[in-house]
Amino acid sequence: MTMSSHICRQPTPEELDALDRAGRRILERVGIRIKDRGYLDFLAKAGADVSYDEAIVRFRSAWLEEMLGTAPSKFTLYSRDGKNDVHLGEGKVHFVNGGRVFRIIDPVSGEHRRTTLRDVAHAATLVHHLEHIRFYIIACQAYDVPPRHYHLNDFYQALSHTTKHVMGGCGDLEGAHQVWELAGFIAGGEEKLADRPFVSVITNLMSPLTLDTASLDILRFCCEHGIPVTCAPAPISGATGPASLAGTLAQMHAEALAGVALTQVFKPGAKVLYGAVPSAMDLRTMDFTLGSVETALMSAWAVRLAKLYDLPIYGSAGVTESKVPDVQAGIEKTLSKLVVALAGADCIHLAAGMLDSGNSIALEQFVIDDEIIGMIHRFLAGVVVNEETLGLETIEAVGPGGNYVTEDHTLRHMMDEFFYPGLAVRSSFDLWDARGRPTMLSKAAARVEEILGGDVANMLGSGMAEDVKRSFPGIQEL
């Protein structure tokens, strides 16, 4: 297929308006399927247009505007120690890992295997030590934990291994209860947690245009208890969304606005991210391709749709179809992260550790992605132009044929002008050869071993950890 190229192709105001109007038309004419009679009654009383025979909730334009109008344009995802708070809606791009995969490349054997609770803890430890991954999304399924205390255990291990904000999905209302009770105990009470919530919850609207009771229960509970949420639709272009990217974006926009609006019905002012996880399929083979260039393109446009409503966005980038950390992974990850970052996403999830279309992680990949993100941050920072950085006096002093290595101007700016990678190979060939020919992957593996190889202290503190274990007997040891 031949496509015409454009210079920095961005959506025009007219295109954004057309997508927005299409999304709102979908909500007003097609609506969202909700089969739960109790929620249909609740939403009807709140002013939504409910068709009981169809189990459909439609969103009239004026009512939608009213609900969206109470959603906050700025809020903070708090860290426990106050050192890594993430301020959303202030024009900064924050990268985070992705969650709930079911395979990992074992760092010892190199083989793919099912993930365990220990992997949840190891990933949290890495995120805690990696500068550019701003908070921790619970990275994987813990197949060695019984369902009854599943979320109690994975959030406990996350909170035990990082003081950064922790986000994760909950499978049901009981899981959300477990997270809230655990976090409230650690915070020192429900009011303190509500004041500075250091956990948040992901729910998913099922594309196309369906919300089940479990997701609604979780949304309502979290909103009523002050826990930030995102209701993140994930339409797949050509499968659960139209094959056209514009059609998928219009449907996703409708689903995302519905999720935001419903949180405001449950509690006006509830902290909510506009969720956007659009993706595509390879329609020749019917393979899911979360790491495709089309996913990156739609995710970048989704940012602009969220900004029409001044809503912080939970965007998507950083996945690859590659099964291992390799050249393909580097290409697909870097492209998508850069494109979505340039669009101005508040929060870019899936940005670290992910492989295999979001089905696997590798601990080394977290470290590699952290470096890629550091490069992107340097790119986003741009070039600072002022009297000092122009350096005209220094240029005049050095003159033709001189050099700047020992100049004070160089010493002043050598640390703030440049990004210095820790993994990328920059030495001469002879020195690289003498050092054993290291690669980014081998250096990342060494960094993982360095972080995980020592004594990893419980981030809750020994006293709190023991109190939690006594109060929550469902917590199991690693």
Protein backbone atom coordinates (compact mmCIF):
# COMPACT_ATOMS: atom_id res chain seq x y z
CA MET A 1 0.00 0.00 0.00
CA THR A 2 1.38 3.38 -0.99
CA MET A 3 0.75 6.25 1.39
CA SER A 4 1.49 9.91 0.80
CA SER A 5 3.88 11.38 3.34
CA HIS A 6 3.46 14.57 5.30
CA ILE A 7 5.79 16.64 7.41
CA CYS A 8 4.94 15.98 11.07
CA ARG A 9 1.38 14.88 10.27
CA GLN A 10 -0.85 16.04 13.09
CA PRO A 11 -4.65 16.00 13.31
CA THR A 12 -6.17 19.23 12.12
CA PRO A 13 -8.76 21.01 14.25
CA GLU A 14 -11.36 19.95 11.69
CA GLU A 15 -10.36 16.29 11.96
CA LEU A 16 -10.42 16.38 15.76
CA ASP A 17 -13.82 18.02 15.67
CA ALA A 18 -15.11 15.34 13.31
CA LEU A 19 -13.80 12.55 15.57
CA ASP A 20 -15.26 14.21 18.64
CA ARG A 21 -18.66 14.71 17.01
CA ALA A 22 -18.60 11.09 15.82
CA GLY A 23 -17.83 9.84 19.33
CA ARG A 24 -20.61 11.89 20.86
CA ARG A 25 -23.02 10.74 18.16
CA ILE A 26 -22.16 7.13 19.01
CA LEU A 27 -22.96 7.79 22.66
CA GLU A 28 -26.21 9.58 21.83
CA ARG A 29 -27.54 7.16 19.20
CA VAL A 30 -25.90 3.80 19.87
CA GLY A 31 -25.05 4.05 23.56
CA ILE A 32 -23.30 1.73 26.00
CA ARG A 33 -24.66 -1.71 26.87
CA ILE A 34 -25.15 -2.22 30.61
CA LYS A 35 -27.14 -5.31 31.52
CA ASP A 36 -27.29 -4.73 35.27
CA ARG A 37 -30.81 -3.55 36.21
CA GLY A 38 -29.59 -1.82 39.36
CA TYR A 39 -27.15 0.34 37.43
CA LEU A 40 -29.75 1.09 34.77
CA ASP A 41 -32.06 2.38 37.51
CA PHE A 42 -29.22 4.35 39.09
CA LEU A 43 -28.26 6.02 35.83
CA ALA A 44 -31.87 6.73 34.87
CA LYS A 45 -32.34 8.58 38.17
CA ALA A 46 -29.13 10.50 37.45
CA GLY A 47 -30.57 11.74 34.14
CA ALA A 48 -29.17 9.31 31.58
CA ASP A 49 -31.32 8.07 28.71
CA VAL A 50 -31.96 4.41 29.61
CA SER A 51 -33.59 1.81 27.39
CA TYR A 52 -34.46 -1.14 29.64
CA ASP A 53 -35.55 -3.37 26.78
CA GLU A 54 -32.20 -2.99 25.03
CA ALA A 55 -30.09 -2.72 28.23
CA ILE A 56 -28.59 0.40 26.67
CA VAL A 57 -27.60 3.72 28.25
CA ARG A 58 -27.44 6.65 25.86
CA PHE A 59 -25.72 9.92 26.63
CA ARG A 60 -27.59 13.03 25.52
CA SER A 61 -25.18 15.81 24.67
CA ALA A 62 -26.24 18.22 27.42
CA TRP A 63 -26.15 15.49 30.09
CA LEU A 64 -22.74 14.30 28.89
CA GLU A 65 -21.38 17.84 29.06
CA GLU A 66 -22.70 18.21 32.60
CA MET A 67 -21.02 14.99 33.75
CA LEU A 68 -17.72 15.69 32.02
CA GLY A 69 -17.68 19.20 33.44
CA THR A 70 -17.01 17.95 36.98
CA ALA A 71 -14.03 15.74 36.05
CA PRO A 72 -10.75 17.28 37.28
CA SER A 73 -8.27 18.54 34.72
CA LYS A 74 -5.38 18.11 37.17
CA PHE A 75 -4.67 15.74 40.02
CA THR A 76 -1.77 13.90 41.63
CA LEU A 77 -0.88 10.24 41.80
CA TYR A 78 0.87 10.26 45.16
CA SER A 79 3.93 8.29 46.17
CA ARG A 80 4.15 7.01 49.73
CA ASP A 81 7.27 8.98 50.61
CA GLY A 82 6.30 12.16 48.76
CA LYS A 83 9.47 12.01 46.63
CA ASN A 84 7.91 10.64 43.46
CA ASP A 85 4.50 12.28 43.24
CA VAL A 86 3.19 12.36 39.68
CA HIS A 87 1.31 15.56 38.83
CA LEU A 88 -1.08 14.95 35.96
CA GLY A 89 -2.50 17.68 33.76
CA GLU A 90 0.47 20.04 34.12
CA GLY A 91 1.97 19.56 30.67
CA LYS A 92 4.54 16.91 31.59
CA VAL A 93 4.89 13.44 30.09
CA HIS A 94 5.23 10.54 32.52
CA PHE A 95 6.21 7.03 31.44
CA VAL A 96 5.20 3.87 33.32
CA ASN A 97 5.38 0.16 32.75
CA GLY A 98 2.48 -2.04 31.70
CA GLY A 99 0.65 -4.72 33.58
CA ARG A 100 -0.92 -8.13 33.97
CA VAL A 101 1.16 -10.11 31.51
CA PHE A 102 1.33 -13.86 32.01
CA ARG A 103 4.83 -14.77 30.80
CA ILE A 104 8.36 -13.69 31.68
CA ILE A 105 11.74 -14.46 30.19
CA ASP A 106 13.41 -16.06 33.19
CA PRO A 107 16.61 -14.07 33.89
CA VAL A 108 18.47 -17.27 34.87
CA SER A 109 17.32 -19.85 32.32
CA GLY A 110 16.45 -17.47 29.49
CA GLU A 111 13.28 -19.46 28.88
CA HIS A 112 9.74 -18.13 28.83
CA ARG A 113 7.67 -19.26 31.84
CA ARG A 114 4.51 -18.30 33.71
CA THR A 115 4.80 -15.35 36.06
CA THR A 116 4.65 -15.57 39.86
CA LEU A 117 4.30 -13.31 42.88
CA ARG A 118 8.08 -13.06 43.10
CA ASP A 119 8.08 -11.55 39.61
CA VAL A 120 5.61 -8.91 40.80
CA ALA A 121 8.07 -8.03 43.55
CA HIS A 122 11.14 -8.08 41.29
CA ALA A 123 9.51 -5.79 38.74
CA ALA A 124 8.47 -3.39 41.51
CA THR A 125 12.05 -3.32 42.80
CA LEU A 126 13.38 -2.49 39.36
CA VAL A 127 10.84 0.31 38.86
CA HIS A 128 11.77 1.73 42.25
CA HIS A 129 15.40 2.04 41.15
CA LEU A 130 14.84 3.18 37.56
CA GLU A 131 14.74 6.94 37.26
CA HIS A 132 12.47 7.44 34.29
CA ILE A 133 9.68 4.98 35.13
CA ARG A 134 7.54 7.25 37.27
CA PHE A 135 5.29 4.76 39.05
CA TYR A 136 4.60 1.04 39.12
CA ILE A 137 1.76 -0.72 37.37
CA ILE A 138 1.59 -4.26 38.73
CA ALA A 139 3.47 -5.98 35.97
CA CYS A 140 2.22 -9.53 35.80
CA GLN A 141 -0.16 -12.22 36.92
CA ALA A 142 0.85 -14.13 40.05
CA TYR A 143 -0.12 -17.68 39.16
CA ASP A 144 1.02 -19.01 42.51
CA VAL A 145 -1.55 -16.98 44.50
CA PRO A 146 -5.06 -18.33 45.18
CA PRO A 147 -7.91 -16.17 43.84
CA ARG A 148 -9.34 -15.42 47.27
CA HIS A 149 -6.44 -13.17 48.28
CA TYR A 150 -5.05 -12.34 44.89
CA HIS A 151 -5.05 -8.55 44.95
CA LEU A 152 -4.15 -8.41 48.63
CA ASN A 153 -0.92 -10.19 47.76
CA ASP A 154 0.08 -8.49 44.55
CA PHE A 155 -0.52 -4.98 45.93
CA TYR A 156 1.26 -5.93 49.17
CA GLN A 157 4.34 -7.07 47.26
CA ALA A 158 4.22 -3.95 45.09
CA LEU A 159 3.99 -1.65 48.10
CA SER A 160 6.71 -3.63 49.87
CA HIS A 161 9.17 -3.11 47.03
CA THR A 162 8.62 0.50 45.95
CA THR A 163 7.55 3.76 47.52
CA LYS A 164 6.42 5.03 44.12
CA HIS A 165 2.72 5.16 43.31
CA VAL A 166 1.21 1.73 42.58
CA MET A 167 -1.53 1.15 40.00
CA GLY A 168 -3.15 -2.13 39.09
CA GLY A 169 -6.23 -3.79 37.72
CA CYS A 170 -8.78 -5.46 39.93
CA GLY A 171 -10.79 -8.44 38.74
CA ASP A 172 -13.82 -7.84 40.94
CA LEU A 173 -15.22 -5.72 43.75
CA GLU A 174 -13.65 -7.94 46.40
CA GLY A 175 -10.24 -7.23 44.89
CA ALA A 176 -10.87 -3.48 45.06
CA HIS A 177 -11.93 -3.90 48.71
CA GLN A 178 -8.68 -5.72 49.45
CA VAL A 179 -6.58 -2.99 47.85
CA TRP A 180 -8.44 -0.23 49.69
CA GLU A 181 -8.27 -1.96 53.07
CA LEU A 182 -4.57 -2.76 52.70
CA ALA A 183 -3.65 0.74 51.53
CA GLY A 184 -5.80 2.32 54.25
CA PHE A 185 -4.04 0.27 56.92
CA ILE A 186 -0.61 1.30 55.59
CA ALA A 187 -1.67 4.95 55.28
CA GLY A 188 -2.85 5.04 58.88
CA GLY A 189 -6.56 5.30 58.17
CA GLU A 190 -9.15 5.79 55.46
CA GLU A 191 -9.10 9.57 55.69
CA LYS A 192 -5.33 9.75 55.26
CA LEU A 193 -5.53 7.46 52.25
CA ALA A 194 -8.30 9.55 50.69
CA ASP A 195 -6.21 12.68 51.24
CA ARG A 196 -3.10 11.24 49.56
CA PRO A 197 -4.05 8.04 47.69
CA PHE A 198 -0.87 6.19 46.76
CA VAL A 199 -2.72 3.45 44.88
CA SER A 200 -5.00 3.63 41.86
CA VAL A 201 -7.08 1.14 39.90
CA ILE A 202 -7.53 0.26 36.23
CA THR A 203 -10.83 -0.98 34.83
CA ASN A 204 -11.69 -1.78 31.25
CA LEU A 205 -14.75 -0.98 29.20
CA MET A 206 -15.20 -3.92 26.84
CA SER A 207 -15.14 -2.91 23.22
CA PRO A 208 -17.39 -2.48 21.45
CA LEU A 209 -19.45 -0.28 23.80
CA THR A 210 -20.08 -2.61 26.75
CA LEU A 211 -19.64 -2.25 30.51
CA ASP A 212 -20.10 -5.25 32.77
CA THR A 213 -21.27 -5.23 36.37
CA ALA A 214 -17.85 -6.05 37.82
CA SER A 215 -16.23 -3.02 36.15
CA LEU A 216 -19.06 -0.75 37.25
CA ASP A 217 -18.79 -2.03 40.82
CA ILE A 218 -15.06 -1.34 40.86
CA LEU A 219 -15.47 2.13 39.35
CA ARG A 220 -18.18 3.08 41.81
CA PHE A 221 -16.32 1.76 44.84
CA CYS A 222 -13.07 3.51 43.95
CA CYS A 223 -14.76 6.81 43.16
CA GLU A 224 -16.70 6.77 46.40
CA HIS A 225 -13.54 6.01 48.40
CA GLY A 226 -11.23 8.54 46.73
CA ILE A 227 -9.11 6.07 44.74
CA PRO A 228 -8.06 7.41 41.31
CA VAL A 229 -9.22 5.30 38.37
CA THR A 230 -9.03 4.90 34.65
CA CYS A 231 -11.66 3.13 32.58
CA ALA A 232 -9.54 2.19 29.59
CA PRO A 233 -11.25 0.98 26.41
CA ALA A 234 -9.06 -1.14 24.16
CA PRO A 235 -10.72 -1.46 20.75
CA ILE A 236 -8.84 -3.53 18.19
CA SER A 237 -9.12 -2.05 14.72
CA GLY A 238 -10.66 -4.67 12.45
CA ALA A 239 -11.90 -6.85 15.33
CA THR A 240 -13.61 -5.00 18.19
CA GLY A 241 -13.44 -1.68 16.38
CA PRO A 242 -13.85 -0.63 12.74
CA ALA A 243 -11.03 -1.49 10.34
CA SER A 244 -10.56 2.21 9.61
CA LEU A 245 -8.36 4.00 12.15
CA ALA A 246 -10.76 6.95 12.25
CA GLY A 247 -13.65 4.61 13.05
CA THR A 248 -11.69 2.93 15.83
CA LEU A 249 -10.74 6.32 17.26
CA ALA A 250 -14.35 7.52 17.18
CA GLN A 251 -15.57 4.41 19.00
CA MET A 252 -12.70 4.56 21.51
CA HIS A 253 -13.43 8.24 22.16
CA ALA A 254 -17.07 7.42 22.86
CA GLU A 255 -16.06 4.63 25.23
CA ALA A 256 -13.49 6.78 27.01
CA LEU A 257 -15.92 9.69 27.48
CA ALA A 258 -18.53 7.26 28.80
CA GLY A 259 -16.05 5.94 31.36
CA VAL A 260 -15.19 9.45 32.55
CA ALA A 261 -18.85 10.50 32.67
CA LEU A 262 -19.87 7.48 34.73
CA THR A 263 -17.21 8.17 37.35
CA GLN A 264 -18.68 11.64 37.76
CA VAL A 265 -22.15 10.17 38.21
CA PHE A 266 -20.77 8.04 41.02
CA LYS A 267 -18.93 10.98 42.60
CA PRO A 268 -18.58 14.44 41.06
CA GLY A 269 -14.93 15.43 41.03
CA ALA A 270 -13.68 11.83 41.19
CA LYS A 271 -10.09 11.54 39.97
CA VAL A 272 -10.18 9.83 36.59
CA LEU A 273 -7.90 9.45 33.59
CA TYR A 274 -9.28 9.38 30.06
CA GLY A 275 -8.33 5.84 29.07
CA ALA A 276 -7.03 5.00 25.59
CA VAL A 277 -5.57 1.66 24.50
CA PRO A 278 -6.41 1.49 20.78
CA SER A 279 -4.69 -1.22 18.79
CA ALA A 280 -4.81 -3.15 15.53
CA MET A 281 -4.69 -6.61 14.03
CA ASP A 282 -2.71 -7.98 11.15
CA LEU A 283 -5.81 -8.79 9.14
CA ARG A 284 -3.84 -11.08 6.84
CA THR A 285 -3.18 -13.51 9.70
CA MET A 286 -5.59 -12.31 12.44
CA ASP A 287 -2.65 -11.79 14.78
CA PHE A 288 -3.09 -9.12 17.48
CA THR A 289 -0.50 -6.33 17.00
CA LEU A 290 -0.36 -4.03 20.01
CA GLY A 291 3.14 -3.03 18.90
CA SER A 292 2.09 -1.90 15.43
CA VAL A 293 2.76 1.56 14.01
CA GLU A 294 -1.03 2.02 13.72
CA THR A 295 -1.34 1.58 17.49
CA ALA A 296 1.20 4.33 18.00
CA LEU A 297 -0.56 6.60 15.53
CA MET A 298 -3.99 6.13 17.10
CA SER A 299 -2.57 6.57 20.59
CA ALA A 300 -1.03 9.88 19.59
CA TRP A 301 -4.33 11.11 18.16
CA ALA A 302 -6.14 9.90 21.29
CA VAL A 303 -4.05 12.36 23.30
CA ARG A 304 -5.46 15.23 21.26
CA LEU A 305 -9.00 13.96 21.78
CA ALA A 306 -8.54 13.85 25.56
CA LYS A 307 -7.15 17.38 25.52
CA LEU A 308 -10.34 18.65 23.86
CA TYR A 309 -11.91 18.10 27.29
CA ASP A 310 -8.85 19.10 29.32
CA LEU A 311 -8.65 15.57 30.73
CA PRO A 312 -5.42 13.84 31.80
CA ILE A 313 -4.90 10.79 29.60
CA TYR A 314 -3.76 7.25 30.31
CA GLY A 315 -2.18 6.66 26.93
CA SER A 316 -0.37 3.71 25.40
CA ALA A 317 3.06 3.19 23.84
CA GLY A 318 6.12 1.02 24.19
CA VAL A 319 4.93 -2.42 23.18
CA THR A 320 6.59 -4.62 20.59
CA GLU A 321 5.59 -7.73 18.71
CA SER A 322 9.06 -9.16 19.29
CA LYS A 323 9.26 -12.03 21.76
CA VAL A 324 12.72 -11.06 23.05
CA PRO A 325 14.71 -7.85 23.57
CA ASP A 326 16.14 -7.35 20.08
CA VAL A 327 16.40 -4.89 17.20
CA GLN A 328 12.69 -5.17 16.38
CA ALA A 329 11.83 -4.42 20.00
CA GLY A 330 14.04 -1.34 19.97
CA ILE A 331 12.52 0.00 16.76
CA GLU A 332 8.87 -0.53 17.68
CA LYS A 333 9.23 0.64 21.25
CA THR A 334 11.19 3.79 20.51
CA LEU A 335 8.94 4.85 17.64
CA SER A 336 5.71 4.53 19.60
CA LYS A 337 7.01 6.11 22.79
CA LEU A 338 8.45 9.09 20.96
CA VAL A 339 5.33 9.66 18.86
CA VAL A 340 2.93 9.53 21.82
CA ALA A 341 5.24 11.62 23.99
CA LEU A 342 5.43 14.30 21.32
CA ALA A 343 1.63 14.36 21.31
CA GLY A 344 1.77 15.35 24.99
CA ALA A 345 0.29 12.37 26.83
CA ASP A 346 0.18 12.82 30.59
CA CYS A 347 0.78 9.17 31.37
CA ILE A 348 2.14 6.64 28.88
CA HIS A 349 1.66 3.11 30.13
CA LEU A 350 3.08 -0.09 28.57
CA ALA A 351 6.30 1.89 28.18
CA ALA A 352 8.67 -0.44 30.05
CA GLY A 353 9.34 -4.14 30.23
CA MET A 354 6.74 -5.28 27.69
CA LEU A 355 7.28 -7.82 24.90
CA ASP A 356 5.19 -10.13 22.74
CA SER A 357 2.27 -7.78 22.07
CA GLY A 358 1.86 -7.16 25.79
CA ASN A 359 1.83 -10.82 26.81
CA SER A 360 5.37 -11.08 28.22
CA ILE A 361 7.95 -9.10 30.15
CA ALA A 362 11.71 -9.32 30.58
CA LEU A 363 13.46 -7.73 33.53
CA GLU A 364 16.30 -6.60 31.27
CA GLN A 365 13.76 -4.86 29.07
CA PHE A 366 12.72 -2.62 31.97
CA VAL A 367 16.29 -1.32 32.16
CA ILE A 368 16.60 -0.86 28.39
CA ASP A 369 13.27 0.95 28.23
CA ASP A 370 14.32 3.24 31.07
CA GLU A 371 17.26 4.36 28.95
CA ILE A 372 15.08 4.86 25.87
CA ILE A 373 12.72 6.98 27.97
CA GLY A 374 15.66 9.04 29.22
CA MET A 375 16.63 9.79 25.63
CA ILE A 376 13.06 10.77 24.81
CA HIS A 377 12.91 13.11 27.79
CA ARG A 378 16.08 14.78 26.54
CA PHE A 379 14.49 15.16 23.11
CA LEU A 380 11.32 16.63 24.63
CA ALA A 381 13.36 19.16 26.60
CA GLY A 382 14.54 20.73 23.36
CA VAL A 383 17.25 23.36 23.05
CA VAL A 384 17.46 26.14 25.62
CA VAL A 385 18.31 29.43 23.93
CA ASN A 386 19.43 32.35 26.09
CA GLU A 387 22.44 34.60 26.53
CA GLU A 388 24.30 32.01 28.57
CA THR A 389 23.65 29.02 26.29
CA LEU A 390 24.50 30.96 23.12
CA GLY A 391 28.00 31.25 24.56
CA LEU A 392 29.06 34.16 22.38
CA GLU A 393 31.76 35.36 24.77
CA THR A 394 33.25 31.86 24.88
CA ILE A 395 33.13 31.55 21.09
CA GLU A 396 34.95 34.87 20.78
CA ALA A 397 37.54 33.84 23.38
CA VAL A 398 38.28 30.48 21.73
CA GLY A 399 38.30 31.90 18.22
CA PRO A 400 39.07 30.10 14.97
CA GLY A 401 41.01 26.85 15.34
CA GLY A 402 40.65 26.59 19.13
CA ASN A 403 38.76 24.07 21.25
CA TYR A 404 36.24 24.22 24.06
CA VAL A 405 37.21 21.20 26.18
CA THR A 406 38.73 23.14 29.11
CA GLU A 407 36.52 26.20 28.93
CA ASP A 408 34.46 27.14 32.00
CA HIS A 409 31.39 27.31 29.76
CA THR A 410 31.90 23.63 28.92
CA LEU A 411 32.24 22.67 32.56
CA ARG A 412 29.11 24.60 33.44
CA HIS A 413 26.98 22.84 30.84
CA MET A 414 28.47 19.38 30.42
CA MET A 415 25.92 17.83 32.80
CA ASP A 416 22.76 19.75 31.88
CA GLU A 417 23.00 19.79 28.09
CA PHE A 418 23.60 16.11 27.39
CA PHE A 419 21.97 12.78 28.15
CA TYR A 420 24.60 10.22 29.13
CA PRO A 421 23.38 6.66 28.51
CA GLY A 422 24.37 3.87 30.85
CA LEU A 423 23.74 1.00 28.45
CA ALA A 424 24.47 2.26 24.94
CA VAL A 425 27.95 1.46 23.60
CA ARG A 426 29.95 4.62 22.95
CA SER A 427 33.57 3.56 23.35
CA SER A 428 36.10 2.92 20.60
CA PHE A 429 36.14 -0.51 18.99
CA ASP A 430 39.40 -1.50 20.70
CA LEU A 431 38.15 -0.54 24.14
CA TRP A 432 34.79 -2.25 23.50
CA ASP A 433 36.63 -5.39 22.41
CA ALA A 434 38.89 -5.31 25.47
CA ARG A 435 35.84 -5.06 27.74
CA GLY A 436 34.37 -8.27 26.35
CA ARG A 437 32.18 -6.74 23.64
CA PRO A 438 29.25 -5.71 25.88
CA THR A 439 25.83 -4.95 24.38
CA MET A 440 22.87 -3.03 25.72
CA LEU A 441 21.25 -6.35 26.60
CA SER A 442 24.27 -7.73 28.48
CA LYS A 443 24.70 -4.45 30.36
CA ALA A 444 20.98 -4.41 31.20
CA ALA A 445 21.24 -7.96 32.56
CA ALA A 446 24.14 -6.86 34.76
CA ARG A 447 22.08 -3.92 36.02
CA VAL A 448 19.18 -6.23 36.88
CA GLU A 449 21.53 -8.49 38.81
CA GLU A 450 22.99 -5.49 40.62
CA ILE A 451 19.55 -4.23 41.70
CA LEU A 452 18.08 -7.59 42.66
CA GLY A 453 21.24 -9.31 43.83
CA GLY A 454 21.68 -7.51 47.13
CA ASP A 455 19.52 -7.42 50.21
CA VAL A 456 16.22 -5.84 49.21
CA ALA A 457 14.71 -4.08 52.20
CA ASN A 458 10.95 -4.09 52.72
CA MET A 459 9.87 -0.59 51.71
CA LEU A 460 7.12 -0.62 54.31
CA GLY A 461 9.62 -0.96 57.13
CA SER A 462 9.93 -4.10 59.23
CA GLY A 463 7.46 -2.92 61.86
CA MET A 464 4.71 -2.03 59.40
CA ALA A 465 5.34 -5.19 57.39
CA GLU A 466 4.80 -7.35 60.46
CA ASP A 467 1.69 -5.39 61.45
CA VAL A 468 0.25 -5.86 57.96
CA LYS A 469 0.91 -9.60 58.01
CA ARG A 470 -0.78 -9.97 61.38
CA SER A 471 -3.79 -7.96 60.29
CA PHE A 472 -4.12 -9.59 56.85
CA PRO A 473 -3.54 -13.34 57.31
CA GLY A 474 -4.15 -13.94 53.59
CA ILE A 475 -0.74 -12.52 52.75
CA GLN A 476 1.68 -15.26 51.72
CA GLU A 477 5.48 -15.23 51.87
CA LEU A 478 7.57 -15.22 48.73
